[in-house]
């Protein structure tokens, strides 16, 4: 309970952040070059393109997810959302293609979490699993135990497949 929150150092978040920076810089460069080529580029318009590029980056930047001390925190563009993982009331799975996990605690706080974040950081999944087990023991988790069980199996199978592929044992299939 007294452990400090940890920030997943997943390669996926860094790659997504690099992609957001690259896209925003490309957007700023292309719009400025096109405006200059049309002969309408002014300082005010260049500032506008730079401001729009910053807005593009802010929207595309992935949320920062931290866990620890019985809490899961998602810092997005504008909001910071927290749930108590040791007092979960329900877990839902949302979407078929871009799957998200929706968590709600007994205090009514809600968090939506992309499943790719859990795949990228097994320690984050462990924190969620530990909190969900505590919720089950306390009797607060009334919905979603099957979802968490299936998610754990899927992530275990993904990790096993990755280990076998990396070791070269899976090629004989």
N, C-alpha and C. Protein backbone atom coordinates (compact mmCIF):
# COMPACT_ATOMS: atom_id res chain seq x y z
N UNK A 1 0.80 -1.19 0.00
CA UNK A 1 0.00 0.00 0.00
C UNK A 1 0.85 1.26 0.00
N UNK A 2 2.01 1.21 0.67
CA UNK A 2 2.83 2.38 0.78
C UNK A 2 3.85 2.52 -0.33
N UNK A 3 3.77 1.63 -1.33
CA UNK A 3 4.75 1.72 -2.42
C UNK A 3 4.48 2.95 -3.28
N UNK A 4 5.54 3.59 -3.78
CA UNK A 4 5.34 4.75 -4.64
C UNK A 4 4.82 4.34 -6.01
N UNK A 5 4.14 5.27 -6.66
CA UNK A 5 3.63 5.01 -8.00
C UNK A 5 4.79 4.87 -8.96
N UNK A 6 4.63 3.98 -9.94
CA UNK A 6 5.68 3.80 -10.94
C UNK A 6 5.12 4.16 -12.30
N UNK A 7 5.97 4.72 -13.12
CA UNK A 7 5.60 5.06 -14.47
C UNK A 7 6.14 3.99 -15.39
N UNK A 8 5.27 3.35 -16.16
CA UNK A 8 5.77 2.34 -17.08
C UNK A 8 6.73 2.95 -18.08
N UNK A 9 7.87 2.32 -18.26
CA UNK A 9 8.84 2.80 -19.22
C UNK A 9 8.72 2.05 -20.53
N UNK A 10 7.51 1.75 -20.91
CA UNK A 10 7.27 0.93 -22.09
C UNK A 10 7.76 1.58 -23.37
N UNK A 11 8.26 0.73 -24.24
CA UNK A 11 8.73 1.23 -25.54
C UNK A 11 7.57 1.75 -26.35
N UNK A 12 6.38 1.22 -26.14
CA UNK A 12 5.22 1.63 -26.93
C UNK A 12 4.89 3.10 -26.70
N UNK A 13 4.90 3.55 -25.45
CA UNK A 13 4.57 4.94 -25.16
C UNK A 13 5.62 5.87 -25.77
N UNK A 14 6.89 5.50 -25.65
CA UNK A 14 7.94 6.33 -26.24
C UNK A 14 7.80 6.38 -27.76
N UNK A 15 7.50 5.24 -28.37
CA UNK A 15 7.33 5.21 -29.83
C UNK A 15 6.12 6.05 -30.24
N UNK A 16 5.04 5.97 -29.50
CA UNK A 16 3.85 6.77 -29.82
C UNK A 16 4.12 8.26 -29.63
N UNK A 17 4.92 8.60 -28.62
CA UNK A 17 5.27 10.01 -28.41
C UNK A 17 6.16 10.51 -29.54
N UNK A 18 7.12 9.69 -29.97
CA UNK A 18 7.97 10.08 -31.11
C UNK A 18 7.13 10.27 -32.36
N UNK A 19 6.17 9.38 -32.58
CA UNK A 19 5.30 9.48 -33.74
C UNK A 19 4.48 10.78 -33.68
N UNK A 20 3.98 11.15 -32.50
CA UNK A 20 3.20 12.38 -32.34
C UNK A 20 4.06 13.60 -32.63
N UNK A 21 5.32 13.59 -32.16
CA UNK A 21 6.23 14.71 -32.44
C UNK A 21 6.51 14.79 -33.93
N UNK A 22 6.82 13.65 -34.54
CA UNK A 22 7.13 13.62 -35.97
C UNK A 22 5.94 14.12 -36.79
N UNK A 23 4.75 13.67 -36.45
CA UNK A 23 3.55 14.08 -37.19
C UNK A 23 3.30 15.58 -37.02
N UNK A 24 3.45 16.10 -35.81
CA UNK A 24 3.23 17.53 -35.58
C UNK A 24 4.26 18.38 -36.32
N UNK A 25 5.53 17.96 -36.30
CA UNK A 25 6.55 18.71 -37.04
C UNK A 25 6.32 18.64 -38.55
N UNK A 26 5.91 17.48 -39.04
CA UNK A 26 5.60 17.35 -40.47
C UNK A 26 4.42 18.23 -40.84
N UNK A 27 3.41 18.26 -39.99
CA UNK A 27 2.25 19.12 -40.23
C UNK A 27 2.67 20.58 -40.29
N UNK A 28 3.48 21.02 -39.32
CA UNK A 28 3.93 22.42 -39.30
C UNK A 28 4.77 22.73 -40.54
N UNK A 29 5.68 21.82 -40.89
CA UNK A 29 6.53 22.06 -42.05
C UNK A 29 5.76 22.11 -43.36
N UNK A 30 4.86 21.14 -43.54
CA UNK A 30 4.09 21.09 -44.79
C UNK A 30 3.17 22.30 -44.94
N UNK A 31 2.47 22.66 -43.88
CA UNK A 31 1.56 23.80 -43.99
C UNK A 31 2.33 25.10 -44.20
N UNK A 32 3.48 25.25 -43.56
CA UNK A 32 4.28 26.46 -43.75
C UNK A 32 4.83 26.53 -45.17
N UNK A 33 5.34 25.42 -45.68
CA UNK A 33 5.88 25.38 -47.05
C UNK A 33 4.77 25.64 -48.07
N UNK A 34 3.62 25.05 -47.89
CA UNK A 34 2.51 25.27 -48.82
C UNK A 34 2.03 26.71 -48.77
N UNK A 35 1.97 27.29 -47.58
CA UNK A 35 1.57 28.69 -47.46
C UNK A 35 2.61 29.61 -48.08
N UNK A 36 3.89 29.28 -47.89
CA UNK A 36 4.96 30.07 -48.49
C UNK A 36 4.93 29.96 -50.01
N UNK A 37 4.68 28.76 -50.52
CA UNK A 37 4.64 28.55 -51.97
C UNK A 37 3.47 29.29 -52.62
N UNK A 38 2.39 29.47 -51.88
CA UNK A 38 1.24 30.19 -52.43
C UNK A 38 1.43 31.69 -52.33
N UNK A 39 2.45 32.13 -51.60
CA UNK A 39 2.75 33.55 -51.48
C UNK A 39 2.01 34.25 -50.36
N UNK A 40 1.36 33.51 -49.49
CA UNK A 40 0.57 34.13 -48.43
C UNK A 40 1.16 34.01 -47.05
N UNK A 41 2.40 33.55 -46.94
CA UNK A 41 2.98 33.34 -45.62
C UNK A 41 3.37 34.67 -44.98
N UNK A 42 2.85 34.88 -43.79
CA UNK A 42 3.22 36.04 -42.97
C UNK A 42 3.66 35.50 -41.61
N UNK A 43 4.18 36.38 -40.79
CA UNK A 43 4.61 35.97 -39.46
C UNK A 43 3.41 35.46 -38.65
N UNK A 44 2.28 36.15 -38.78
CA UNK A 44 1.09 35.74 -38.04
C UNK A 44 0.62 34.34 -38.49
N UNK A 45 0.67 34.10 -39.79
CA UNK A 45 0.24 32.79 -40.29
C UNK A 45 1.24 31.70 -39.91
N UNK A 46 2.52 32.00 -39.91
CA UNK A 46 3.52 31.03 -39.46
C UNK A 46 3.30 30.68 -37.99
N UNK A 47 2.97 31.70 -37.19
CA UNK A 47 2.65 31.45 -35.78
C UNK A 47 1.40 30.58 -35.65
N UNK A 48 0.42 30.82 -36.51
CA UNK A 48 -0.80 30.00 -36.49
C UNK A 48 -0.48 28.54 -36.80
N UNK A 49 0.36 28.31 -37.82
CA UNK A 49 0.72 26.93 -38.17
C UNK A 49 1.49 26.26 -37.03
N UNK A 50 2.36 27.01 -36.36
CA UNK A 50 3.10 26.45 -35.23
C UNK A 50 2.15 26.13 -34.07
N UNK A 51 1.20 27.01 -33.81
CA UNK A 51 0.22 26.77 -32.76
C UNK A 51 -0.64 25.56 -33.07
N UNK A 52 -1.05 25.41 -34.31
CA UNK A 52 -1.83 24.24 -34.71
C UNK A 52 -1.02 22.96 -34.60
N UNK A 53 0.28 23.03 -34.90
CA UNK A 53 1.14 21.85 -34.75
C UNK A 53 1.25 21.45 -33.28
N UNK A 54 1.34 22.42 -32.39
CA UNK A 54 1.36 22.12 -30.96
C UNK A 54 0.05 21.46 -30.54
N UNK A 55 -1.07 21.94 -31.07
CA UNK A 55 -2.36 21.34 -30.77
C UNK A 55 -2.43 19.91 -31.30
N UNK A 56 -1.89 19.66 -32.49
CA UNK A 56 -1.87 18.31 -33.05
C UNK A 56 -1.05 17.39 -32.14
N UNK A 57 0.09 17.86 -31.68
CA UNK A 57 0.90 17.05 -30.78
C UNK A 57 0.16 16.76 -29.48
N UNK A 58 -0.50 17.76 -28.92
CA UNK A 58 -1.21 17.58 -27.66
C UNK A 58 -2.32 16.54 -27.78
N UNK A 59 -2.97 16.51 -28.92
CA UNK A 59 -4.05 15.54 -29.12
C UNK A 59 -3.50 14.14 -29.36
N UNK A 60 -2.41 14.01 -30.09
CA UNK A 60 -1.87 12.70 -30.44
C UNK A 60 -0.99 12.07 -29.37
N UNK A 61 -0.52 12.86 -28.42
CA UNK A 61 0.35 12.35 -27.38
C UNK A 61 -0.38 11.31 -26.54
N UNK A 62 0.24 10.15 -26.33
CA UNK A 62 -0.45 9.11 -25.54
C UNK A 62 -0.53 9.50 -24.07
N UNK A 63 -1.56 9.03 -23.38
CA UNK A 63 -1.69 9.35 -21.96
C UNK A 63 -0.60 8.65 -21.14
N UNK A 64 -0.26 9.24 -20.02
CA UNK A 64 0.74 8.66 -19.12
C UNK A 64 0.00 7.86 -18.05
N UNK A 65 0.40 6.63 -17.88
CA UNK A 65 -0.26 5.73 -16.93
C UNK A 65 0.73 5.37 -15.83
N UNK A 66 0.31 5.56 -14.58
CA UNK A 66 1.12 5.18 -13.43
C UNK A 66 0.28 4.30 -12.50
N UNK A 67 0.96 3.46 -11.77
CA UNK A 67 0.27 2.58 -10.82
C UNK A 67 1.14 2.38 -9.60
N UNK A 68 0.49 2.17 -8.48
CA UNK A 68 1.20 1.91 -7.24
C UNK A 68 0.40 2.39 -6.06
N UNK A 69 0.63 1.78 -4.95
CA UNK A 69 -0.07 2.21 -3.74
C UNK A 69 -1.57 1.98 -3.80
N UNK A 70 -2.00 0.99 -4.58
CA UNK A 70 -3.42 0.70 -4.68
C UNK A 70 -4.18 1.64 -5.59
N UNK A 71 -3.47 2.39 -6.41
CA UNK A 71 -4.12 3.33 -7.34
C UNK A 71 -3.59 3.15 -8.75
N UNK A 72 -4.45 3.46 -9.72
CA UNK A 72 -4.07 3.50 -11.13
C UNK A 72 -4.43 4.90 -11.62
N UNK A 73 -3.45 5.61 -12.18
CA UNK A 73 -3.65 6.99 -12.60
C UNK A 73 -3.38 7.10 -14.09
N UNK A 74 -4.28 7.78 -14.81
CA UNK A 74 -4.13 8.04 -16.23
C UNK A 74 -4.14 9.55 -16.43
N UNK A 75 -3.02 10.09 -16.91
CA UNK A 75 -2.92 11.52 -17.16
C UNK A 75 -3.08 11.75 -18.66
N UNK A 76 -4.20 12.35 -19.04
CA UNK A 76 -4.49 12.60 -20.44
C UNK A 76 -4.17 14.03 -20.82
N UNK A 77 -4.81 14.49 -21.89
CA UNK A 77 -4.58 15.83 -22.41
C UNK A 77 -5.00 16.89 -21.41
N UNK A 78 -6.17 16.73 -20.82
CA UNK A 78 -6.71 17.75 -19.93
C UNK A 78 -6.90 17.23 -18.51
N UNK A 79 -7.30 15.98 -18.40
CA UNK A 79 -7.69 15.43 -17.11
C UNK A 79 -6.69 14.43 -16.54
N UNK A 80 -6.76 14.32 -15.24
CA UNK A 80 -6.06 13.25 -14.53
C UNK A 80 -7.15 12.41 -13.87
N UNK A 81 -7.19 11.13 -14.22
CA UNK A 81 -8.20 10.23 -13.66
C UNK A 81 -7.51 9.15 -12.84
N UNK A 82 -8.12 8.86 -11.67
CA UNK A 82 -7.56 7.86 -10.77
C UNK A 82 -8.66 6.92 -10.31
N UNK A 83 -8.29 5.66 -10.17
CA UNK A 83 -9.17 4.69 -9.51
C UNK A 83 -8.37 3.96 -8.45
N UNK A 84 -9.06 3.50 -7.45
CA UNK A 84 -8.45 2.67 -6.43
C UNK A 84 -8.56 1.23 -6.91
N UNK A 85 -7.44 0.62 -7.22
CA UNK A 85 -7.47 -0.76 -7.72
C UNK A 85 -7.80 -1.74 -6.60
N UNK A 86 -7.58 -1.35 -5.35
CA UNK A 86 -7.90 -2.24 -4.25
C UNK A 86 -9.36 -2.11 -3.81
N UNK A 87 -10.12 -1.26 -4.50
CA UNK A 87 -11.54 -1.08 -4.20
C UNK A 87 -12.34 -0.96 -5.51
N UNK A 88 -12.02 -1.83 -6.47
CA UNK A 88 -12.73 -1.80 -7.75
C UNK A 88 -14.15 -2.30 -7.56
N UNK A 89 -15.10 -1.65 -8.25
CA UNK A 89 -16.50 -2.08 -8.23
C UNK A 89 -16.85 -2.82 -9.51
N UNK A 90 -16.19 -2.45 -10.62
CA UNK A 90 -16.50 -3.11 -11.88
C UNK A 90 -15.43 -2.90 -12.92
N UNK A 91 -15.34 -3.87 -13.83
CA UNK A 91 -14.39 -3.82 -14.95
C UNK A 91 -15.17 -4.19 -16.20
N UNK A 92 -15.06 -3.37 -17.23
CA UNK A 92 -15.74 -3.64 -18.49
C UNK A 92 -14.74 -3.55 -19.63
N UNK A 93 -15.02 -4.28 -20.69
CA UNK A 93 -14.20 -4.24 -21.90
C UNK A 93 -15.01 -3.49 -22.95
N UNK A 94 -14.40 -2.50 -23.58
CA UNK A 94 -15.09 -1.66 -24.55
C UNK A 94 -14.39 -1.74 -25.89
N UNK A 95 -15.14 -2.01 -26.94
CA UNK A 95 -14.59 -2.01 -28.29
C UNK A 95 -14.12 -3.37 -28.72
N UNK A 96 -14.13 -3.57 -30.04
CA UNK A 96 -13.65 -4.82 -30.60
C UNK A 96 -12.31 -4.65 -31.29
N UNK A 97 -12.10 -3.52 -31.94
CA UNK A 97 -10.85 -3.29 -32.67
C UNK A 97 -9.86 -2.56 -31.77
N UNK A 98 -10.22 -1.38 -31.32
CA UNK A 98 -9.39 -0.63 -30.38
C UNK A 98 -9.96 -0.90 -28.99
N UNK A 99 -9.49 -1.94 -28.35
CA UNK A 99 -10.08 -2.39 -27.10
C UNK A 99 -9.56 -1.58 -25.92
N UNK A 100 -10.51 -1.16 -25.10
CA UNK A 100 -10.17 -0.43 -23.88
C UNK A 100 -10.74 -1.18 -22.68
N UNK A 101 -10.11 -0.97 -21.56
CA UNK A 101 -10.58 -1.53 -20.31
C UNK A 101 -11.14 -0.37 -19.50
N UNK A 102 -12.39 -0.49 -19.08
CA UNK A 102 -13.03 0.55 -18.28
C UNK A 102 -13.07 0.07 -16.83
N UNK A 103 -12.52 0.86 -15.95
CA UNK A 103 -12.45 0.52 -14.53
C UNK A 103 -13.25 1.54 -13.72
N UNK A 104 -14.02 1.05 -12.74
CA UNK A 104 -14.76 1.93 -11.85
C UNK A 104 -14.55 1.45 -10.42
N UNK A 105 -14.26 2.38 -9.52
CA UNK A 105 -14.06 1.99 -8.13
C UNK A 105 -15.31 2.30 -7.29
N UNK A 106 -15.28 1.95 -6.03
CA UNK A 106 -16.45 2.12 -5.17
C UNK A 106 -16.78 3.59 -4.92
N UNK A 107 -15.83 4.49 -5.12
CA UNK A 107 -16.06 5.92 -4.95
C UNK A 107 -16.68 6.56 -6.19
N UNK A 108 -16.85 5.77 -7.27
CA UNK A 108 -17.45 6.29 -8.49
C UNK A 108 -16.45 6.83 -9.50
N UNK A 109 -15.16 6.77 -9.20
CA UNK A 109 -14.14 7.24 -10.14
C UNK A 109 -14.00 6.24 -11.28
N UNK A 110 -13.78 6.75 -12.49
CA UNK A 110 -13.66 5.89 -13.66
C UNK A 110 -12.37 6.20 -14.43
N UNK A 111 -11.84 5.13 -15.04
CA UNK A 111 -10.65 5.25 -15.88
C UNK A 111 -10.86 4.36 -17.10
N UNK A 112 -10.50 4.89 -18.27
CA UNK A 112 -10.47 4.09 -19.49
C UNK A 112 -9.00 3.89 -19.85
N UNK A 113 -8.63 2.62 -20.09
CA UNK A 113 -7.24 2.27 -20.31
C UNK A 113 -7.11 1.42 -21.56
N UNK A 114 -6.25 1.82 -22.48
CA UNK A 114 -6.01 1.05 -23.69
C UNK A 114 -5.29 -0.24 -23.33
N UNK A 115 -5.74 -1.36 -23.89
CA UNK A 115 -5.14 -2.64 -23.55
C UNK A 115 -3.69 -2.75 -24.01
N UNK A 116 -3.30 -1.98 -25.03
CA UNK A 116 -1.91 -2.02 -25.49
C UNK A 116 -0.96 -1.56 -24.40
N UNK A 117 -1.44 -0.70 -23.50
CA UNK A 117 -0.61 -0.24 -22.38
C UNK A 117 -0.30 -1.41 -21.46
N UNK A 118 -1.29 -2.26 -21.20
CA UNK A 118 -1.06 -3.42 -20.34
C UNK A 118 -0.17 -4.44 -21.02
N UNK A 119 -0.31 -4.60 -22.33
CA UNK A 119 0.54 -5.54 -23.07
C UNK A 119 1.99 -5.05 -23.04
N UNK A 120 2.18 -3.74 -23.15
CA UNK A 120 3.53 -3.18 -23.19
C UNK A 120 4.22 -3.22 -21.83
N UNK A 121 3.45 -3.25 -20.74
CA UNK A 121 4.06 -3.21 -19.41
C UNK A 121 3.41 -4.25 -18.49
N UNK A 122 4.00 -5.44 -18.40
CA UNK A 122 3.44 -6.48 -17.54
C UNK A 122 3.42 -6.10 -16.06
N UNK A 123 4.31 -5.24 -15.62
CA UNK A 123 4.30 -4.82 -14.22
C UNK A 123 3.06 -3.99 -13.90
N UNK A 124 2.61 -3.22 -14.87
CA UNK A 124 1.36 -2.46 -14.70
C UNK A 124 0.19 -3.42 -14.58
N UNK A 125 0.18 -4.47 -15.40
CA UNK A 125 -0.86 -5.49 -15.32
C UNK A 125 -0.81 -6.17 -13.95
N UNK A 126 0.39 -6.42 -13.45
CA UNK A 126 0.53 -7.04 -12.13
C UNK A 126 -0.08 -6.16 -11.04
N UNK A 127 0.17 -4.85 -11.12
CA UNK A 127 -0.43 -3.92 -10.14
C UNK A 127 -1.95 -3.97 -10.22
N UNK A 128 -2.49 -3.99 -11.45
CA UNK A 128 -3.94 -4.06 -11.62
C UNK A 128 -4.48 -5.39 -11.10
N UNK A 129 -3.79 -6.47 -11.39
CA UNK A 129 -4.22 -7.79 -10.94
C UNK A 129 -4.19 -7.89 -9.41
N UNK A 130 -3.15 -7.37 -8.81
CA UNK A 130 -3.05 -7.38 -7.35
C UNK A 130 -4.20 -6.60 -6.72
N UNK A 131 -4.48 -5.43 -7.28
CA UNK A 131 -5.59 -4.63 -6.76
C UNK A 131 -6.93 -5.31 -6.97
N UNK A 132 -7.11 -5.96 -8.13
CA UNK A 132 -8.37 -6.66 -8.40
C UNK A 132 -8.55 -7.82 -7.42
N UNK A 133 -7.47 -8.53 -7.10
CA UNK A 133 -7.56 -9.63 -6.12
C UNK A 133 -7.96 -9.11 -4.73
N UNK A 134 -7.41 -7.95 -4.37
CA UNK A 134 -7.79 -7.35 -3.09
C UNK A 134 -9.26 -6.93 -3.11
N UNK A 135 -9.71 -6.43 -4.25
CA UNK A 135 -11.13 -6.06 -4.38
C UNK A 135 -12.03 -7.27 -4.26
N UNK A 136 -11.61 -8.38 -4.85
CA UNK A 136 -12.38 -9.62 -4.74
C UNK A 136 -12.45 -10.09 -3.29
N UNK A 137 -11.30 -10.03 -2.60
CA UNK A 137 -11.26 -10.44 -1.19
C UNK A 137 -12.15 -9.56 -0.33
N UNK A 138 -12.19 -8.26 -0.65
CA UNK A 138 -13.00 -7.32 0.12
C UNK A 138 -14.48 -7.39 -0.28
N UNK A 139 -14.76 -8.02 -1.42
CA UNK A 139 -16.14 -8.15 -1.87
C UNK A 139 -16.69 -6.95 -2.62
N UNK A 140 -15.82 -6.05 -3.07
CA UNK A 140 -16.30 -4.86 -3.78
C UNK A 140 -16.41 -5.07 -5.28
N UNK A 141 -15.66 -6.00 -5.84
CA UNK A 141 -15.66 -6.23 -7.28
C UNK A 141 -16.85 -7.12 -7.65
N UNK A 142 -17.87 -6.49 -8.25
CA UNK A 142 -19.09 -7.23 -8.56
C UNK A 142 -19.24 -7.56 -10.03
N UNK A 143 -18.47 -6.92 -10.88
CA UNK A 143 -18.60 -7.16 -12.32
C UNK A 143 -17.22 -7.13 -12.97
N UNK A 144 -16.94 -8.14 -13.81
CA UNK A 144 -15.72 -8.09 -14.60
C UNK A 144 -14.63 -9.06 -14.20
N UNK A 145 -14.90 -9.96 -13.29
CA UNK A 145 -13.86 -10.91 -12.90
C UNK A 145 -13.48 -11.81 -14.06
N UNK A 146 -14.47 -12.19 -14.88
CA UNK A 146 -14.18 -13.02 -16.05
C UNK A 146 -13.35 -12.28 -17.07
N UNK A 147 -13.58 -10.98 -17.20
CA UNK A 147 -12.79 -10.16 -18.14
C UNK A 147 -11.33 -10.12 -17.70
N UNK A 148 -11.10 -9.92 -16.41
CA UNK A 148 -9.73 -9.88 -15.91
C UNK A 148 -9.04 -11.22 -16.06
N UNK A 149 -9.76 -12.31 -15.84
CA UNK A 149 -9.19 -13.65 -16.00
C UNK A 149 -8.79 -13.89 -17.46
N UNK A 150 -9.70 -13.57 -18.40
CA UNK A 150 -9.40 -13.74 -19.82
C UNK A 150 -8.25 -12.84 -20.26
N UNK A 151 -8.22 -11.62 -19.74
CA UNK A 151 -7.13 -10.70 -20.07
C UNK A 151 -5.80 -11.25 -19.59
N UNK A 152 -5.77 -11.78 -18.39
CA UNK A 152 -4.53 -12.37 -17.86
C UNK A 152 -4.06 -13.53 -18.71
N UNK A 153 -4.99 -14.40 -19.10
CA UNK A 153 -4.61 -15.54 -19.96
C UNK A 153 -4.08 -15.07 -21.30
N UNK A 154 -4.75 -14.08 -21.90
CA UNK A 154 -4.32 -13.57 -23.20
C UNK A 154 -2.93 -12.96 -23.12
N UNK A 155 -2.69 -12.18 -22.09
CA UNK A 155 -1.37 -11.54 -21.95
C UNK A 155 -0.29 -12.56 -21.63
N UNK A 156 -0.64 -13.59 -20.85
CA UNK A 156 0.33 -14.66 -20.59
C UNK A 156 0.68 -15.40 -21.87
N UNK A 157 -0.33 -15.68 -22.70
CA UNK A 157 -0.09 -16.36 -23.98
C UNK A 157 0.76 -15.50 -24.91
N UNK A 158 0.50 -14.20 -24.91
CA UNK A 158 1.29 -13.28 -25.74
C UNK A 158 2.74 -13.25 -25.28
N UNK A 159 2.95 -13.20 -23.97
CA UNK A 159 4.32 -13.20 -23.43
C UNK A 159 5.02 -14.51 -23.74
N UNK A 160 4.31 -15.62 -23.60
CA UNK A 160 4.90 -16.92 -23.90
C UNK A 160 5.29 -17.03 -25.36
N UNK A 161 4.40 -16.56 -26.24
CA UNK A 161 4.69 -16.57 -27.67
C UNK A 161 5.93 -15.72 -27.98
N UNK A 162 6.04 -14.58 -27.35
CA UNK A 162 7.21 -13.73 -27.55
C UNK A 162 8.49 -14.37 -27.09
N UNK A 163 8.44 -15.06 -25.95
CA UNK A 163 9.63 -15.75 -25.45
C UNK A 163 10.03 -16.88 -26.38
N UNK A 164 9.05 -17.65 -26.84
CA UNK A 164 9.35 -18.76 -27.74
C UNK A 164 9.88 -18.26 -29.08
N UNK A 165 9.31 -17.17 -29.59
CA UNK A 165 9.81 -16.61 -30.85
C UNK A 165 11.23 -16.09 -30.69
N UNK A 166 11.50 -15.42 -29.56
CA UNK A 166 12.84 -14.87 -29.33
C UNK A 166 13.88 -15.97 -29.16
N UNK A 167 13.47 -17.10 -28.61
CA UNK A 167 14.42 -18.19 -28.39
C UNK A 167 14.57 -19.09 -29.61
N UNK A 168 13.68 -18.92 -30.59
CA UNK A 168 13.74 -19.72 -31.80
C UNK A 168 13.05 -21.06 -31.68
N UNK A 169 12.32 -21.31 -30.62
CA UNK A 169 11.66 -22.59 -30.41
C UNK A 169 10.32 -22.68 -31.15
N UNK A 170 9.75 -21.58 -31.56
CA UNK A 170 8.43 -21.57 -32.17
C UNK A 170 8.48 -21.79 -33.68
N UNK A 171 9.63 -21.80 -34.29
CA UNK A 171 9.75 -21.87 -35.75
C UNK A 171 9.35 -23.24 -36.33
N UNK A 172 9.40 -24.30 -35.55
CA UNK A 172 9.10 -25.63 -36.04
C UNK A 172 7.62 -25.86 -36.28
N UNK A 173 6.79 -24.93 -36.02
CA UNK A 173 5.36 -25.06 -36.18
C UNK A 173 4.92 -25.25 -37.55
